[in-house]
Amino acid sequence: MLGNWWATNPQVVIQARQGLQRIENIEKNRQQQEIAAAKSNPENIEPG
């Protein structure tokens, strides 16, 4: 019965995939913001 559950509830599968995609996007944005902040911090710039 559980094996067929996903096939009978495609909307749940779609929503789960969308939720995972949102989480991945949030994580990517967070990483990009941290990288940008680190690059803009003068303490992180190595001389010459």
Protein backbone atom coordinates (compact mmCIF):
# COMPACT_ATOMS: atom_id res chain seq x y z
CA MET A 1 0.00 0.00 0.00
CA LEU A 2 2.74 2.50 0.88
CA GLY A 3 4.55 1.82 -2.39
CA ASN A 4 1.56 3.10 -4.32
CA TRP A 5 0.92 6.05 -1.99
CA TRP A 6 3.18 8.46 -3.90
CA ALA A 7 1.56 7.53 -7.20
CA THR A 8 -1.89 8.33 -5.83
CA ASN A 9 -0.82 11.67 -4.29
CA PRO A 10 1.12 13.53 -6.99
CA GLN A 11 0.30 16.92 -5.47
CA VAL A 12 2.12 15.93 -2.26
CA VAL A 13 5.16 14.92 -4.31
CA ILE A 14 5.09 18.24 -6.19
CA GLN A 15 4.84 20.22 -2.95
CA ALA A 16 7.67 18.23 -1.38
CA ARG A 17 9.93 18.88 -4.37
CA GLN A 18 9.09 22.58 -4.30
CA GLY A 19 9.87 22.71 -0.59
CA LEU A 20 13.24 21.05 -1.10
CA GLN A 21 14.02 23.47 -3.94
CA ARG A 22 13.21 26.43 -1.70
CA ILE A 23 15.52 25.09 1.00
CA GLU A 24 18.33 24.61 -1.54
CA ASN A 25 17.84 28.15 -2.86
CA ILE A 26 17.90 29.61 0.66
CA GLU A 27 21.15 27.77 1.39
CA LYS A 28 22.76 28.92 -1.88
CA ASN A 29 21.76 32.53 -1.17
CA ARG A 30 23.14 32.31 2.36
CA GLN A 31 26.47 30.98 1.08
CA GLN A 32 26.68 33.72 -1.56
CA GLN A 33 25.96 36.39 1.04
CA GLU A 34 28.64 35.01 3.36
CA ILE A 35 31.19 34.92 0.52
CA ALA A 36 30.33 38.50 -0.47
CA ALA A 37 30.61 39.65 3.14
CA ALA A 38 33.97 37.91 3.55
CA LYS A 39 35.30 39.45 0.33
CA SER A 40 34.17 42.94 1.32
CA ASN A 41 35.75 42.72 4.79
CA PRO A 42 39.11 44.57 4.69
CA GLU A 43 40.51 42.23 7.35
CA ASN A 44 40.25 39.36 4.86
CA ILE A 45 42.29 41.07 2.14
CA GLU A 46 45.85 39.78 1.99
CA PRO A 47 48.55 42.31 1.12
CA GLY A 48 50.38 41.97 -2.22
